[in-house]
Amino acid sequence: MQCIVFSLSLKYSVKIAKFVDSMSNIFEIIEPFNPLVEEYYFLTDHDLKYQVKFGRKKNDLSAVTVVFGVLNEEFEGDEYVETNKGDMFRVMNTVVEVVRLFSEKNDYIRSFEFTGEPRENEDMSKPTARLKLFHRFAERYAKNHGWKVLVDKNTIVVNR
């Protein structure tokens, strides 16, 4: 684990250290056995099962919508729930890795779209807190791979 020390408070130093550590870790990814199935899964250390799906756009077969969420029964009916288990960065790193794996196996896919589902008090006409988080991860990945990131209201599109 890398450790970055700032002269803030112990509380913030610990959070920053956890963030740096979580950036290098991902959960074990369960890839589909059938190449035609576009669903991946991973299980967190808190036994939360996530699903990452790729939906084809009807008007453009080289574009997909990326959807991910928790499948556990305790969150039934709300797959976009905030779990508050402290592994948000590791979850996001894992989702980015799933997108990378999917893009390698489907090199004709040119566009990946993410939408940040709003919390109860958020408006879909502007970027939500979730979308801002997705944007940070998308920018970091895109920068390292020469991809472009576009933001439109509450949607991010990552293009190769």
N, C-alpha and C. Protein backbone atom coordinates (compact mmCIF):
# COMPACT_ATOMS: atom_id res chain seq x y z
N MET A 1 0.85 -1.18 0.00
CA MET A 1 0.00 0.00 0.00
C MET A 1 0.88 1.23 0.00
N GLN A 2 0.60 2.17 -0.90
CA GLN A 2 1.28 3.45 -0.87
C GLN A 2 0.66 4.28 0.23
N CYS A 3 1.45 5.12 0.83
CA CYS A 3 0.91 5.98 1.87
C CYS A 3 1.24 7.42 1.53
N ILE A 4 0.24 8.25 1.49
CA ILE A 4 0.42 9.67 1.25
C ILE A 4 0.05 10.38 2.54
N VAL A 5 0.95 11.22 3.01
CA VAL A 5 0.70 11.90 4.28
C VAL A 5 0.54 13.38 4.01
N PHE A 6 -0.55 13.93 4.50
CA PHE A 6 -0.81 15.35 4.44
C PHE A 6 -0.89 15.86 5.86
N SER A 7 -0.62 17.11 6.04
CA SER A 7 -0.69 17.65 7.40
C SER A 7 -2.10 18.16 7.68
N LEU A 8 -3.08 17.27 7.48
CA LEU A 8 -4.45 17.61 7.80
C LEU A 8 -4.72 17.07 9.20
N SER A 9 -5.65 16.18 9.30
CA SER A 9 -5.88 15.52 10.58
C SER A 9 -5.72 14.04 10.37
N LEU A 10 -5.65 13.28 11.45
CA LEU A 10 -5.52 11.84 11.35
C LEU A 10 -6.69 11.25 10.56
N LYS A 11 -7.88 11.79 10.77
CA LYS A 11 -9.08 11.30 10.08
C LYS A 11 -8.89 11.38 8.56
N TYR A 12 -8.43 12.52 8.07
CA TYR A 12 -8.27 12.68 6.63
C TYR A 12 -7.08 11.90 6.11
N SER A 13 -6.01 11.79 6.88
CA SER A 13 -4.85 11.01 6.46
C SER A 13 -5.23 9.55 6.27
N VAL A 14 -6.04 9.01 7.17
CA VAL A 14 -6.50 7.63 7.06
C VAL A 14 -7.36 7.45 5.82
N LYS A 15 -8.28 8.39 5.57
CA LYS A 15 -9.14 8.29 4.39
C LYS A 15 -8.31 8.34 3.12
N ILE A 16 -7.32 9.21 3.06
CA ILE A 16 -6.47 9.33 1.87
C ILE A 16 -5.67 8.04 1.68
N ALA A 17 -5.13 7.48 2.75
CA ALA A 17 -4.37 6.23 2.66
C ALA A 17 -5.27 5.11 2.17
N LYS A 18 -6.50 5.03 2.67
CA LYS A 18 -7.43 4.00 2.22
C LYS A 18 -7.75 4.19 0.73
N PHE A 19 -7.91 5.45 0.30
CA PHE A 19 -8.21 5.73 -1.10
C PHE A 19 -7.07 5.25 -1.99
N VAL A 20 -5.83 5.58 -1.63
CA VAL A 20 -4.68 5.19 -2.44
C VAL A 20 -4.57 3.68 -2.49
N ASP A 21 -4.79 3.00 -1.35
CA ASP A 21 -4.73 1.56 -1.31
C ASP A 21 -5.83 0.94 -2.17
N SER A 22 -7.03 1.49 -2.09
CA SER A 22 -8.16 0.90 -2.82
C SER A 22 -8.02 1.08 -4.32
N MET A 23 -7.24 2.06 -4.76
CA MET A 23 -7.08 2.29 -6.20
C MET A 23 -6.38 1.12 -6.88
N SER A 24 -5.58 0.38 -6.14
CA SER A 24 -4.82 -0.70 -6.76
C SER A 24 -5.51 -2.06 -6.60
N ASN A 25 -6.60 -2.11 -5.88
CA ASN A 25 -7.27 -3.38 -5.62
C ASN A 25 -8.59 -3.48 -6.36
N ILE A 26 -8.87 -4.69 -6.81
CA ILE A 26 -10.18 -4.97 -7.37
C ILE A 26 -10.68 -6.27 -6.74
N PHE A 27 -11.97 -6.49 -6.83
CA PHE A 27 -12.55 -7.75 -6.37
C PHE A 27 -12.39 -8.78 -7.48
N GLU A 28 -12.45 -10.05 -7.13
CA GLU A 28 -12.35 -11.12 -8.12
C GLU A 28 -13.59 -11.06 -9.03
N ILE A 29 -13.34 -11.07 -10.32
CA ILE A 29 -14.40 -10.93 -11.31
C ILE A 29 -14.79 -12.30 -11.85
N ILE A 30 -16.09 -12.54 -11.92
CA ILE A 30 -16.62 -13.78 -12.49
C ILE A 30 -17.09 -13.44 -13.90
N GLU A 31 -16.34 -13.94 -14.88
CA GLU A 31 -16.65 -13.65 -16.28
C GLU A 31 -17.68 -14.65 -16.80
N PRO A 32 -18.45 -14.26 -17.82
CA PRO A 32 -19.44 -15.19 -18.38
C PRO A 32 -18.76 -16.36 -19.09
N PHE A 33 -19.36 -17.55 -18.96
CA PHE A 33 -18.84 -18.73 -19.66
C PHE A 33 -19.15 -18.63 -21.15
N ASN A 34 -20.32 -18.10 -21.45
CA ASN A 34 -20.79 -17.97 -22.82
C ASN A 34 -20.42 -16.56 -23.32
N PRO A 35 -19.67 -16.47 -24.40
CA PRO A 35 -19.27 -15.14 -24.90
C PRO A 35 -20.43 -14.25 -25.35
N LEU A 36 -21.61 -14.85 -25.58
CA LEU A 36 -22.77 -14.06 -25.98
C LEU A 36 -23.46 -13.41 -24.79
N VAL A 37 -23.15 -13.89 -23.59
CA VAL A 37 -23.72 -13.31 -22.37
C VAL A 37 -22.86 -12.11 -21.97
N GLU A 38 -23.51 -11.00 -21.76
CA GLU A 38 -22.75 -9.78 -21.47
C GLU A 38 -22.99 -9.32 -20.04
N GLU A 39 -22.88 -10.27 -19.11
CA GLU A 39 -23.05 -9.99 -17.69
C GLU A 39 -21.83 -10.53 -16.94
N TYR A 40 -21.28 -9.71 -16.08
CA TYR A 40 -20.15 -10.08 -15.23
C TYR A 40 -20.60 -9.91 -13.78
N TYR A 41 -19.93 -10.61 -12.87
CA TYR A 41 -20.28 -10.53 -11.46
C TYR A 41 -19.02 -10.40 -10.62
N PHE A 42 -19.18 -9.84 -9.43
CA PHE A 42 -18.11 -9.90 -8.44
C PHE A 42 -18.72 -9.84 -7.05
N LEU A 43 -18.00 -10.39 -6.09
CA LEU A 43 -18.45 -10.48 -4.72
C LEU A 43 -17.49 -9.67 -3.86
N THR A 44 -18.03 -8.79 -3.03
CA THR A 44 -17.18 -7.96 -2.17
C THR A 44 -16.81 -8.72 -0.90
N ASP A 45 -15.93 -8.14 -0.11
CA ASP A 45 -15.54 -8.72 1.17
C ASP A 45 -16.70 -8.75 2.16
N HIS A 46 -17.75 -7.98 1.89
CA HIS A 46 -18.94 -7.93 2.75
C HIS A 46 -20.05 -8.82 2.19
N ASP A 47 -19.68 -9.74 1.30
CA ASP A 47 -20.63 -10.68 0.67
C ASP A 47 -21.73 -9.98 -0.11
N LEU A 48 -21.42 -8.84 -0.70
CA LEU A 48 -22.36 -8.17 -1.59
C LEU A 48 -22.05 -8.62 -3.01
N LYS A 49 -23.07 -9.13 -3.70
CA LYS A 49 -22.88 -9.61 -5.07
C LYS A 49 -23.30 -8.51 -6.04
N TYR A 50 -22.35 -8.09 -6.87
CA TYR A 50 -22.60 -7.07 -7.88
C TYR A 50 -22.73 -7.72 -9.25
N GLN A 51 -23.56 -7.12 -10.07
CA GLN A 51 -23.71 -7.51 -11.47
C GLN A 51 -23.36 -6.31 -12.33
N VAL A 52 -22.57 -6.54 -13.38
CA VAL A 52 -22.26 -5.50 -14.36
C VAL A 52 -22.77 -6.01 -15.70
N LYS A 53 -23.71 -5.26 -16.30
CA LYS A 53 -24.33 -5.67 -17.57
C LYS A 53 -24.01 -4.64 -18.65
N PHE A 54 -23.96 -5.14 -19.88
CA PHE A 54 -23.74 -4.30 -21.05
C PHE A 54 -24.95 -4.45 -21.96
N GLY A 55 -25.70 -3.37 -22.12
CA GLY A 55 -26.88 -3.39 -22.98
C GLY A 55 -26.59 -2.72 -24.30
N ARG A 56 -26.92 -3.40 -25.37
CA ARG A 56 -26.70 -2.84 -26.72
C ARG A 56 -27.67 -1.71 -27.00
N LYS A 57 -27.18 -0.68 -27.66
CA LYS A 57 -28.03 0.42 -28.10
C LYS A 57 -28.73 -0.02 -29.39
N LYS A 58 -30.03 0.19 -29.47
CA LYS A 58 -30.79 -0.25 -30.65
C LYS A 58 -30.35 0.46 -31.92
N ASN A 59 -30.01 1.73 -31.82
CA ASN A 59 -29.67 2.50 -33.01
C ASN A 59 -28.19 2.46 -33.36
N ASP A 60 -27.35 1.80 -32.52
CA ASP A 60 -25.92 1.75 -32.77
C ASP A 60 -25.34 0.51 -32.08
N LEU A 61 -25.08 -0.53 -32.84
CA LEU A 61 -24.58 -1.78 -32.26
C LEU A 61 -23.14 -1.69 -31.77
N SER A 62 -22.47 -0.59 -32.07
CA SER A 62 -21.10 -0.41 -31.56
C SER A 62 -21.11 0.38 -30.25
N ALA A 63 -22.29 0.59 -29.68
CA ALA A 63 -22.43 1.34 -28.42
C ALA A 63 -23.18 0.48 -27.39
N VAL A 64 -22.75 0.60 -26.14
CA VAL A 64 -23.42 -0.13 -25.05
C VAL A 64 -23.68 0.81 -23.88
N THR A 65 -24.70 0.45 -23.12
CA THR A 65 -24.97 1.11 -21.85
C THR A 65 -24.47 0.17 -20.77
N VAL A 66 -23.69 0.71 -19.83
CA VAL A 66 -23.14 -0.08 -18.74
C VAL A 66 -24.02 0.15 -17.51
N VAL A 67 -24.52 -0.95 -16.95
CA VAL A 67 -25.38 -0.89 -15.77
C VAL A 67 -24.79 -1.82 -14.73
N PHE A 68 -24.66 -1.34 -13.50
CA PHE A 68 -24.19 -2.23 -12.45
C PHE A 68 -24.91 -1.92 -11.15
N GLY A 69 -25.03 -2.95 -10.33
CA GLY A 69 -25.71 -2.79 -9.06
C GLY A 69 -25.60 -4.03 -8.20
N VAL A 70 -26.12 -3.92 -6.98
CA VAL A 70 -26.08 -4.99 -5.99
C VAL A 70 -27.27 -5.92 -6.19
N LEU A 71 -27.04 -7.22 -6.10
CA LEU A 71 -28.10 -8.21 -6.31
C LEU A 71 -28.62 -8.83 -5.02
N ASN A 72 -28.01 -8.59 -3.88
CA ASN A 72 -28.40 -9.24 -2.63
C ASN A 72 -29.87 -8.99 -2.28
N GLU A 73 -30.51 -10.01 -1.71
CA GLU A 73 -31.93 -9.93 -1.35
C GLU A 73 -32.23 -8.78 -0.38
N GLU A 74 -31.27 -8.48 0.51
CA GLU A 74 -31.52 -7.41 1.49
C GLU A 74 -31.73 -6.06 0.81
N PHE A 75 -31.30 -5.94 -0.44
CA PHE A 75 -31.49 -4.70 -1.19
C PHE A 75 -32.49 -4.88 -2.32
N GLU A 76 -33.32 -5.92 -2.21
CA GLU A 76 -34.28 -6.24 -3.25
C GLU A 76 -35.11 -5.02 -3.64
N GLY A 77 -35.21 -4.81 -4.94
CA GLY A 77 -36.00 -3.70 -5.44
C GLY A 77 -35.21 -2.40 -5.56
N ASP A 78 -33.98 -2.38 -5.07
CA ASP A 78 -33.16 -1.17 -5.17
C ASP A 78 -31.72 -1.55 -5.47
N GLU A 79 -31.46 -1.92 -6.73
CA GLU A 79 -30.12 -2.36 -7.09
C GLU A 79 -29.11 -1.21 -7.08
N TYR A 80 -29.57 0.02 -7.02
CA TYR A 80 -28.65 1.17 -7.01
C TYR A 80 -28.46 1.71 -5.60
N VAL A 81 -28.68 0.89 -4.62
CA VAL A 81 -28.61 1.28 -3.23
C VAL A 81 -27.18 1.67 -2.84
N GLU A 82 -27.08 2.57 -1.88
CA GLU A 82 -25.78 2.90 -1.30
C GLU A 82 -25.56 1.93 -0.15
N THR A 83 -24.51 1.13 -0.24
CA THR A 83 -24.29 0.10 0.77
C THR A 83 -23.53 0.62 1.98
N ASN A 84 -22.76 1.69 1.80
CA ASN A 84 -21.98 2.29 2.90
C ASN A 84 -21.10 1.28 3.61
N LYS A 85 -20.41 0.45 2.83
CA LYS A 85 -19.50 -0.56 3.40
C LYS A 85 -18.04 -0.12 3.32
N GLY A 86 -17.79 1.08 2.81
CA GLY A 86 -16.43 1.60 2.76
C GLY A 86 -15.58 1.05 1.63
N ASP A 87 -16.21 0.43 0.63
CA ASP A 87 -15.43 -0.14 -0.47
C ASP A 87 -15.80 0.47 -1.82
N MET A 88 -16.29 1.69 -1.80
CA MET A 88 -16.74 2.36 -3.01
C MET A 88 -15.64 2.43 -4.08
N PHE A 89 -14.41 2.76 -3.68
CA PHE A 89 -13.35 2.90 -4.67
C PHE A 89 -12.95 1.54 -5.24
N ARG A 90 -12.95 0.54 -4.41
CA ARG A 90 -12.63 -0.81 -4.89
C ARG A 90 -13.73 -1.33 -5.81
N VAL A 91 -14.98 -1.04 -5.50
CA VAL A 91 -16.10 -1.41 -6.38
C VAL A 91 -15.94 -0.71 -7.73
N MET A 92 -15.67 0.59 -7.70
CA MET A 92 -15.52 1.33 -8.96
C MET A 92 -14.32 0.83 -9.77
N ASN A 93 -13.20 0.53 -9.10
CA ASN A 93 -12.05 -0.03 -9.81
C ASN A 93 -12.40 -1.35 -10.46
N THR A 94 -13.22 -2.15 -9.78
CA THR A 94 -13.63 -3.44 -10.33
C THR A 94 -14.53 -3.23 -11.54
N VAL A 95 -15.45 -2.29 -11.48
CA VAL A 95 -16.32 -2.00 -12.62
C VAL A 95 -15.48 -1.53 -13.81
N VAL A 96 -14.49 -0.68 -13.56
CA VAL A 96 -13.60 -0.22 -14.64
C VAL A 96 -12.87 -1.41 -15.25
N GLU A 97 -12.42 -2.34 -14.42
CA GLU A 97 -11.73 -3.53 -14.93
C GLU A 97 -12.68 -4.40 -15.75
N VAL A 98 -13.93 -4.52 -15.34
CA VAL A 98 -14.92 -5.28 -16.12
C VAL A 98 -15.11 -4.62 -17.48
N VAL A 99 -15.21 -3.30 -17.52
CA VAL A 99 -15.36 -2.59 -18.81
C VAL A 99 -14.14 -2.86 -19.68
N ARG A 100 -12.96 -2.84 -19.08
CA ARG A 100 -11.73 -3.11 -19.84
C ARG A 100 -11.76 -4.53 -20.42
N LEU A 101 -12.13 -5.52 -19.60
CA LEU A 101 -12.21 -6.91 -20.07
C LEU A 101 -13.22 -7.04 -21.21
N PHE A 102 -14.39 -6.43 -21.01
CA PHE A 102 -15.44 -6.48 -22.03
C PHE A 102 -14.96 -5.82 -23.33
N SER A 103 -14.29 -4.68 -23.22
CA SER A 103 -13.85 -3.96 -24.42
C SER A 103 -12.77 -4.75 -25.16
N GLU A 104 -11.94 -5.49 -24.45
CA GLU A 104 -10.93 -6.32 -25.12
C GLU A 104 -11.58 -7.45 -25.91
N LYS A 105 -12.63 -8.04 -25.35
CA LYS A 105 -13.30 -9.16 -26.01
C LYS A 105 -14.25 -8.69 -27.11
N ASN A 106 -14.61 -7.42 -27.09
CA ASN A 106 -15.56 -6.85 -28.05
C ASN A 106 -14.96 -5.59 -28.64
N ASP A 107 -13.90 -5.75 -29.40
CA ASP A 107 -13.16 -4.58 -29.88
C ASP A 107 -13.92 -3.71 -30.87
N TYR A 108 -15.06 -4.18 -31.35
CA TYR A 108 -15.90 -3.37 -32.24
C TYR A 108 -16.78 -2.39 -31.46
N ILE A 109 -16.87 -2.56 -30.14
CA ILE A 109 -17.63 -1.61 -29.32
C ILE A 109 -16.81 -0.33 -29.21
N ARG A 110 -17.40 0.79 -29.61
CA ARG A 110 -16.69 2.06 -29.65
C ARG A 110 -17.15 3.02 -28.55
N SER A 111 -18.30 2.74 -27.94
CA SER A 111 -18.89 3.71 -27.02
C SER A 111 -19.51 3.01 -25.81
N PHE A 112 -19.22 3.54 -24.61
CA PHE A 112 -19.75 3.01 -23.36
C PHE A 112 -20.47 4.15 -22.64
N GLU A 113 -21.73 3.93 -22.30
CA GLU A 113 -22.55 4.99 -21.68
C GLU A 113 -22.89 4.61 -20.24
N PHE A 114 -22.75 5.58 -19.34
CA PHE A 114 -23.09 5.41 -17.93
C PHE A 114 -24.09 6.50 -17.55
N THR A 115 -25.07 6.15 -16.74
CA THR A 115 -26.00 7.13 -16.20
C THR A 115 -25.97 7.03 -14.69
N GLY A 116 -25.86 8.16 -14.02
CA GLY A 116 -25.84 8.17 -12.56
C GLY A 116 -27.23 8.29 -11.99
N GLU A 117 -27.77 7.19 -11.49
CA GLU A 117 -29.12 7.22 -10.92
C GLU A 117 -29.16 8.22 -9.77
N PRO A 118 -30.19 9.05 -9.74
CA PRO A 118 -30.24 10.10 -8.70
C PRO A 118 -30.71 9.55 -7.35
N ARG A 119 -30.24 10.22 -6.32
CA ARG A 119 -30.80 9.97 -4.98
C ARG A 119 -32.14 10.70 -4.93
N GLU A 120 -32.87 10.53 -3.85
CA GLU A 120 -34.20 11.14 -3.75
C GLU A 120 -34.18 12.65 -3.92
N ASN A 121 -33.14 13.30 -3.44
CA ASN A 121 -33.08 14.77 -3.46
C ASN A 121 -32.33 15.33 -4.67
N GLU A 122 -31.99 14.49 -5.65
CA GLU A 122 -31.21 14.95 -6.80
C GLU A 122 -32.08 15.07 -8.05
N ASP A 123 -31.65 15.95 -8.94
CA ASP A 123 -32.35 16.25 -10.18
C ASP A 123 -31.60 15.60 -11.34
N MET A 124 -32.30 14.87 -12.21
CA MET A 124 -31.68 14.19 -13.35
C MET A 124 -31.19 15.14 -14.44
N SER A 125 -31.55 16.40 -14.37
CA SER A 125 -31.15 17.33 -15.43
C SER A 125 -29.70 17.82 -15.27
N LYS A 126 -29.08 17.49 -14.15
CA LYS A 126 -27.67 17.86 -13.96
C LYS A 126 -26.93 16.68 -13.35
N PRO A 127 -25.61 16.67 -13.44
CA PRO A 127 -24.85 15.53 -12.93
C PRO A 127 -25.12 15.24 -11.46
N THR A 128 -25.40 13.98 -11.17
CA THR A 128 -25.64 13.54 -9.79
C THR A 128 -24.30 13.21 -9.13
N ALA A 129 -24.35 12.97 -7.83
CA ALA A 129 -23.13 12.59 -7.09
C ALA A 129 -22.54 11.31 -7.68
N ARG A 130 -23.41 10.36 -8.04
CA ARG A 130 -22.93 9.11 -8.64
C ARG A 130 -22.24 9.38 -9.98
N LEU A 131 -22.83 10.23 -10.79
CA LEU A 131 -22.24 10.52 -12.08
C LEU A 131 -20.88 11.20 -11.92
N LYS A 132 -20.77 12.08 -10.94
CA LYS A 132 -19.48 12.73 -10.69
C LYS A 132 -18.41 11.72 -10.31
N LEU A 133 -18.80 10.70 -9.52
CA LEU A 133 -17.87 9.63 -9.17
C LEU A 133 -17.51 8.84 -10.42
N PHE A 134 -18.50 8.45 -11.23
CA PHE A 134 -18.23 7.73 -12.48
C PHE A 134 -17.29 8.55 -13.36
N HIS A 135 -17.52 9.85 -13.41
CA HIS A 135 -16.71 10.73 -14.25
C HIS A 135 -15.24 10.69 -13.85
N ARG A 136 -14.97 10.74 -12.55
CA ARG A 136 -13.57 10.68 -12.09
C ARG A 136 -12.90 9.39 -12.55
N PHE A 137 -13.58 8.27 -12.40
CA PHE A 137 -13.00 6.99 -12.80
C PHE A 137 -12.89 6.89 -14.31
N ALA A 138 -13.88 7.36 -15.04
CA ALA A 138 -13.85 7.32 -16.50
C ALA A 138 -12.71 8.17 -17.04
N GLU A 139 -12.53 9.35 -16.48
CA GLU A 139 -11.44 10.24 -16.93
C GLU A 139 -10.08 9.59 -16.70
N ARG A 140 -9.90 8.97 -15.53
CA ARG A 140 -8.61 8.34 -15.23
C ARG A 140 -8.34 7.21 -16.20
N TYR A 141 -9.34 6.38 -16.48
CA TYR A 141 -9.15 5.26 -17.41
C TYR A 141 -8.93 5.78 -18.83
N ALA A 142 -9.77 6.70 -19.25
CA ALA A 142 -9.69 7.22 -20.62
C ALA A 142 -8.34 7.88 -20.88
N LYS A 143 -7.86 8.61 -19.91
CA LYS A 143 -6.57 9.31 -20.05
C LYS A 143 -5.45 8.30 -20.30
N ASN A 144 -5.50 7.18 -19.61
CA ASN A 144 -4.46 6.16 -19.75
C ASN A 144 -4.58 5.35 -21.03
N HIS A 145 -5.72 5.43 -21.73
CA HIS A 145 -5.94 4.61 -22.92
C HIS A 145 -6.26 5.41 -24.18
N GLY A 146 -6.20 6.72 -24.09
CA GLY A 146 -6.45 7.55 -25.26
C GLY A 146 -7.90 7.64 -25.67
N TRP A 147 -8.81 7.36 -24.74
CA TRP A 147 -10.24 7.45 -25.03
C TRP A 147 -10.73 8.85 -24.67
N LYS A 148 -11.93 9.19 -25.11
CA LYS A 148 -12.51 10.51 -24.84
C LYS A 148 -13.76 10.34 -23.97
N VAL A 149 -13.94 11.28 -23.04
CA VAL A 149 -15.10 11.24 -22.13
C VAL A 149 -15.96 12.47 -22.39
N LEU A 150 -17.25 12.23 -22.63
CA LEU A 150 -18.21 13.32 -22.84
C LEU A 150 -19.27 13.25 -21.75
N VAL A 151 -19.65 14.41 -21.22
CA VAL A 151 -20.70 14.47 -20.20
C VAL A 151 -21.85 15.28 -20.75
N ASP A 152 -23.06 14.71 -20.67
CA ASP A 152 -24.27 15.41 -21.11
C ASP A 152 -25.33 15.24 -20.03
N LYS A 153 -25.61 16.29 -19.31
CA LYS A 153 -26.56 16.27 -18.19
C LYS A 153 -26.18 15.20 -17.20
N ASN A 154 -26.90 14.09 -17.17
CA ASN A 154 -26.62 13.04 -16.20
C ASN A 154 -26.14 11.75 -16.88
N THR A 155 -25.42 11.92 -17.99
CA THR A 155 -24.90 10.77 -18.73
C THR A 155 -23.45 11.01 -19.10
N ILE A 156 -22.65 9.96 -18.98
CA ILE A 156 -21.26 10.00 -19.42
C ILE A 156 -21.15 9.01 -20.58
N VAL A 157 -20.48 9.44 -21.63
CA VAL A 157 -20.20 8.55 -22.76
C VAL A 157 -18.68 8.52 -22.93
N VAL A 158 -18.13 7.31 -22.89
CA VAL A 158 -16.70 7.11 -23.09
C VAL A 158 -16.53 6.50 -24.47
N ASN A 159 -15.78 7.20 -25.33
CA ASN A 159 -15.58 6.75 -26.71
C ASN A 159 -14.14 6.37 -26.95
N ARG A 160 -13.96 5.28 -27.71
CA ARG A 160 -12.61 4.87 -28.11
C ARG A 160 -12.18 5.70 -29.29
